[in-house]
Structure formats: structure tokens, C-alpha cells
Amino acid sequence: MKWFPLAAAVLFAGIAACDDDTTAPEDVAEFVIEVEGQEFKIRVSDSSTIADLEERLDSGEAGVILGELVEGDGGYNEPWSWHLDPATIEVADVAIEVCDGTPSMIEDDLEYWLETVGTYCPWGAEVISMDDD
């Protein structure tokens, strides 16, 4: 029983340390993107990318937004049956033409886009709104 106070102190310290979770994302934001009159949503947790997208929203500037395509709407990109992997989303100056298109182009040939192209990078993407989570 002499070890009980020490064991209790170690256990308490371990439990207290669990409250300091630095792996959870600090910010998560969803943005609505418009491409040629069609909209889709992206979810972003990288603070630098969030700032870049907010800048695009404030300026109204259209340009390239790119990310890896994933099957399924991700819980936020309805009515589309695809979404962009939040960890791969970037605001870019330029991108290759093969990944440019509209949301409906991806939907109409989803297997090709997922298996052959792999990324989506609409050139004329405009950030039209933001929704903080």
C-alpha cells in the first residue's frame, strides 16, 4: 500500500495530460465554390489555406483551387457524389488543364476523374461564401 499514493499521482497526471490535445484541428471552415454557375463545397482545416480562401472571398478574385478527389460527398458536398480531400486543398496560381472542369463534368464521368485524373483544379473557381464550424 506504500506505492498507492505514488501510483495515484502518476495516474492523475496522465489523465490531466489528456486534456491538452494538440493534435485536434484548431479551425475548420467550409467554403462554397462556384465554377461556371455550378457550386460545390470544400472543407479546410489548414489555417494558411483558410486564410488564402478568405482572401479570395474578400477580393472576389476567381482562380485555381485544387485538391485530390475522393468518392462520396464527405458529409458536406451534396448533391455531388465526390468531394475534395480537406488535407490536400490548395489555392494555386496555375494548374494543368487536365484537372480543370465543372462539378457536373466530374459527376458525369466520376470513375475516370477518380481513377485517371485524381485531382480537381477548376481554373475559374470563385469563393462565394464561408461557413465556420
C-alpha atoms as a PDB file:
ATOM      1  CA  MET A   1       0.000   0.000   0.000  1.00  0.00           C
ATOM      2  CA  LYS A   2       3.007   2.326   0.227  1.00  0.00           C
ATOM      3  CA  TRP A   3       3.024   2.669  -3.564  1.00  0.00           C
ATOM      4  CA  PHE A   4      -0.668   3.646  -3.773  1.00  0.00           C
ATOM      5  CA  PRO A   5      -0.175   7.449  -3.330  1.00  0.00           C
ATOM      6  CA  LEU A   6       2.587   7.441  -5.963  1.00  0.00           C
ATOM      7  CA  ALA A   7       0.513   5.360  -8.411  1.00  0.00           C
ATOM      8  CA  ALA A   8      -2.492   7.620  -7.872  1.00  0.00           C
ATOM      9  CA  ALA A   9      -0.380  10.730  -8.529  1.00  0.00           C
ATOM     10  CA  VAL A  10       1.027   9.244 -11.760  1.00  0.00           C
ATOM     11  CA  LEU A  11      -2.455   8.193 -12.913  1.00  0.00           C
ATOM     12  CA  PHE A  12      -3.886  11.646 -12.163  1.00  0.00           C
ATOM     13  CA  ALA A  13      -1.041  13.351 -14.042  1.00  0.00           C
ATOM     14  CA  GLY A  14      -1.670  11.115 -17.059  1.00  0.00           C
ATOM     15  CA  ILE A  15      -5.392  11.888 -17.067  1.00  0.00           C
ATOM     16  CA  ALA A  16      -4.754  15.624 -16.734  1.00  0.00           C
ATOM     17  CA  ALA A  17      -2.366  15.495 -19.691  1.00  0.00           C
ATOM     18  CA  CYS A  18      -5.127  14.024 -21.862  1.00  0.00           C
ATOM     19  CA  ASP A  19      -6.980  17.335 -21.748  1.00  0.00           C
ATOM     20  CA  ASP A  20      -4.152  19.017 -23.662  1.00  0.00           C
ATOM     21  CA  ASP A  21      -4.809  17.503 -27.107  1.00  0.00           C
ATOM     22  CA  THR A  22      -2.657  19.381 -29.596  1.00  0.00           C
ATOM     23  CA  THR A  23      -3.491  17.043 -32.498  1.00  0.00           C
ATOM     24  CA  ALA A  24      -7.067  18.275 -32.992  1.00  0.00           C
ATOM     25  CA  PRO A  25      -7.515  20.886 -35.725  1.00  0.00           C
ATOM     26  CA  GLU A  26      -7.889  24.387 -34.352  1.00  0.00           C
ATOM     27  CA  ASP A  27     -10.024  25.711 -37.191  1.00  0.00           C
ATOM     28  CA  VAL A  28     -12.342  24.048 -39.646  1.00  0.00           C
ATOM     29  CA  ALA A  29     -14.140  26.023 -42.311  1.00  0.00           C
ATOM     30  CA  GLU A  30     -16.376  25.171 -45.208  1.00  0.00           C
ATOM     31  CA  PHE A  31     -16.398  27.250 -48.350  1.00  0.00           C
ATOM     32  CA  VAL A  32     -18.841  27.320 -51.232  1.00  0.00           C
ATOM     33  CA  ILE A  33     -17.048  27.448 -54.574  1.00  0.00           C
ATOM     34  CA  GLU A  34     -18.686  28.451 -57.860  1.00  0.00           C
ATOM     35  CA  VAL A  35     -17.450  27.317 -61.248  1.00  0.00           C
ATOM     36  CA  GLU A  36     -19.350  28.358 -64.380  1.00  0.00           C
ATOM     37  CA  GLY A  37     -22.625  28.735 -62.469  1.00  0.00           C
ATOM     38  CA  GLN A  38     -22.249  25.423 -60.580  1.00  0.00           C
ATOM     39  CA  GLU A  39     -21.459  25.190 -56.872  1.00  0.00           C
ATOM     40  CA  PHE A  40     -19.626  22.696 -54.679  1.00  0.00           C
ATOM     41  CA  LYS A  41     -18.344  22.794 -51.102  1.00  0.00           C
ATOM     42  CA  ILE A  42     -14.921  22.220 -49.645  1.00  0.00           C
ATOM     43  CA  ARG A  43     -13.885  21.697 -46.035  1.00  0.00           C
ATOM     44  CA  VAL A  44     -10.496  23.018 -44.935  1.00  0.00           C
ATOM     45  CA  SER A  45      -8.620  22.736 -41.640  1.00  0.00           C
ATOM     46  CA  ASP A  46      -5.234  24.219 -42.574  1.00  0.00           C
ATOM     47  CA  SER A  47      -5.107  27.778 -41.229  1.00  0.00           C
ATOM     48  CA  SER A  48      -2.943  29.047 -44.092  1.00  0.00           C
ATOM     49  CA  THR A  49      -5.335  27.650 -46.709  1.00  0.00           C
ATOM     50  CA  ILE A  50      -8.305  29.075 -44.806  1.00  0.00           C
ATOM     51  CA  ALA A  51      -6.621  32.495 -44.903  1.00  0.00           C
ATOM     52  CA  ASP A  52      -5.964  32.152 -48.657  1.00  0.00           C
ATOM     53  CA  LEU A  53      -9.609  31.225 -49.287  1.00  0.00           C
ATOM     54  CA  GLU A  54     -10.861  34.097 -47.099  1.00  0.00           C
ATOM     55  CA  GLU A  55      -8.668  36.450 -49.134  1.00  0.00           C
ATOM     56  CA  ARG A  56     -10.222  35.133 -52.347  1.00  0.00           C
ATOM     57  CA  LEU A  57     -13.684  35.571 -50.833  1.00  0.00           C
ATOM     58  CA  ASP A  58     -12.962  39.175 -49.809  1.00  0.00           C
ATOM     59  CA  SER A  59     -11.400  40.122 -53.145  1.00  0.00           C
ATOM     60  CA  GLY A  60     -13.902  38.329 -55.370  1.00  0.00           C
ATOM     61  CA  GLU A  61     -10.957  37.128 -57.436  1.00  0.00           C
ATOM     62  CA  ALA A  62     -11.503  33.876 -59.337  1.00  0.00           C
ATOM     63  CA  GLY A  63      -8.658  31.421 -59.760  1.00  0.00           C
ATOM     64  CA  VAL A  64      -7.424  27.895 -59.214  1.00  0.00           C
ATOM     65  CA  ILE A  65      -8.423  25.840 -56.192  1.00  0.00           C
ATOM     66  CA  LEU A  66      -7.164  22.290 -56.246  1.00  0.00           C
ATOM     67  CA  GLY A  67      -7.328  19.091 -54.263  1.00  0.00           C
ATOM     68  CA  GLU A  68      -7.447  15.321 -54.517  1.00  0.00           C
ATOM     69  CA  LEU A  69     -10.803  13.823 -55.453  1.00  0.00           C
ATOM     70  CA  VAL A  70     -12.472  11.360 -53.088  1.00  0.00           C
ATOM     71  CA  GLU A  71     -15.619   9.326 -53.722  1.00  0.00           C
ATOM     72  CA  GLY A  72     -18.683  10.283 -51.654  1.00  0.00           C
ATOM     73  CA  ASP A  73     -19.951  13.721 -50.670  1.00  0.00           C
ATOM     74  CA  GLY A  74     -17.897  13.752 -47.456  1.00  0.00           C
ATOM     75  CA  GLY A  75     -20.987  14.768 -45.498  1.00  0.00           C
ATOM     76  CA  TYR A  76     -20.975  18.325 -46.882  1.00  0.00           C
ATOM     77  CA  ASN A  77     -20.710  18.344 -50.687  1.00  0.00           C
ATOM     78  CA  GLU A  78     -24.266  17.413 -51.644  1.00  0.00           C
ATOM     79  CA  PRO A  79     -25.637  16.795 -54.240  1.00  0.00           C
ATOM     80  CA  TRP A  80     -22.324  15.615 -55.665  1.00  0.00           C
ATOM     81  CA  SER A  81     -21.052  12.062 -55.119  1.00  0.00           C
ATOM     82  CA  TRP A  82     -17.465  13.289 -54.672  1.00  0.00           C
ATOM     83  CA  HIS A  83     -15.528  15.766 -52.543  1.00  0.00           C
ATOM     84  CA  LEU A  84     -12.005  17.115 -52.232  1.00  0.00           C
ATOM     85  CA  ASP A  85      -9.748  15.657 -49.538  1.00  0.00           C
ATOM     86  CA  PRO A  86      -9.528  18.508 -46.982  1.00  0.00           C
ATOM     87  CA  ALA A  87      -5.852  17.784 -46.279  1.00  0.00           C
ATOM     88  CA  THR A  88      -4.903  18.347 -49.941  1.00  0.00           C
ATOM     89  CA  ILE A  89      -6.742  21.564 -50.794  1.00  0.00           C
ATOM     90  CA  GLU A  90      -4.607  24.436 -52.061  1.00  0.00           C
ATOM     91  CA  VAL A  91      -5.124  27.852 -53.563  1.00  0.00           C
ATOM     92  CA  ALA A  92      -2.831  27.942 -56.579  1.00  0.00           C
ATOM     93  CA  ASP A  93      -1.748  30.410 -59.235  1.00  0.00           C
ATOM     94  CA  VAL A  94      -1.811  27.849 -62.053  1.00  0.00           C
ATOM     95  CA  ALA A  95      -2.614  24.177 -62.683  1.00  0.00           C
ATOM     96  CA  ILE A  96      -2.528  21.775 -65.603  1.00  0.00           C
ATOM     97  CA  GLU A  97      -5.563  21.743 -67.868  1.00  0.00           C
ATOM     98  CA  VAL A  98      -6.396  18.047 -67.429  1.00  0.00           C
ATOM     99  CA  CYS A  99      -7.894  18.649 -63.958  1.00  0.00           C
ATOM    100  CA  ASP A 100      -9.917  21.732 -64.968  1.00  0.00           C
ATOM    101  CA  GLY A 101     -13.668  21.393 -65.408  1.00  0.00           C
ATOM    102  CA  THR A 102     -17.058  21.843 -63.820  1.00  0.00           C
ATOM    103  CA  PRO A 103     -18.561  19.884 -60.933  1.00  0.00           C
ATOM    104  CA  SER A 104     -21.033  18.224 -63.297  1.00  0.00           C
ATOM    105  CA  MET A 105     -18.179  17.034 -65.549  1.00  0.00           C
ATOM    106  CA  ILE A 106     -16.752  15.149 -62.592  1.00  0.00           C
ATOM    107  CA  GLU A 107     -20.149  13.742 -61.656  1.00  0.00           C
ATOM    108  CA  ASP A 108     -20.879  12.623 -65.238  1.00  0.00           C
ATOM    109  CA  ASP A 109     -17.620  10.641 -65.510  1.00  0.00           C
ATOM    110  CA  LEU A 110     -16.723  10.051 -61.861  1.00  0.00           C
ATOM    111  CA  GLU A 111     -14.784   6.821 -62.359  1.00  0.00           C
ATOM    112  CA  TYR A 112     -12.471   8.486 -64.909  1.00  0.00           C
ATOM    113  CA  TRP A 113     -11.876  11.504 -62.686  1.00  0.00           C
ATOM    114  CA  LEU A 114     -11.181   9.390 -59.576  1.00  0.00           C
ATOM    115  CA  GLU A 115      -9.009   6.732 -61.212  1.00  0.00           C
ATOM    116  CA  THR A 116      -7.238   8.618 -64.012  1.00  0.00           C
ATOM    117  CA  VAL A 117      -7.154  12.341 -63.188  1.00  0.00           C
ATOM    118  CA  GLY A 118      -7.224  12.080 -59.388  1.00  0.00           C
ATOM    119  CA  THR A 119      -7.389  15.808 -58.724  1.00  0.00           C
ATOM    120  CA  TYR A 120      -9.786  18.632 -59.438  1.00  0.00           C
ATOM    121  CA  CYS A 121      -8.472  22.108 -60.193  1.00  0.00           C
ATOM    122  CA  PRO A 122     -11.099  24.400 -61.713  1.00  0.00           C
ATOM    123  CA  TRP A 123      -9.326  27.432 -63.151  1.00  0.00           C
ATOM    124  CA  GLY A 124     -12.172  29.899 -62.744  1.00  0.00           C
ATOM    125  CA  ALA A 125     -13.173  28.914 -59.214  1.00  0.00           C
ATOM    126  CA  GLU A 126     -14.741  31.706 -57.187  1.00  0.00           C
ATOM    127  CA  VAL A 127     -15.146  31.513 -53.403  1.00  0.00           C
ATOM    128  CA  ILE A 128     -18.699  32.792 -52.829  1.00  0.00           C
ATOM    129  CA  SER A 129     -19.252  32.099 -49.124  1.00  0.00           C
ATOM    130  CA  MET A 130     -17.709  30.698 -45.941  1.00  0.00           C
ATOM    131  CA  ASP A 131     -19.253  28.746 -43.099  1.00  0.00           C
ATOM    132  CA  ASP A 132     -17.183  28.395 -39.879  1.00  0.00           C
ATOM    133  CA  ASP A 133     -17.652  25.149 -37.955  1.00  0.00           C
END
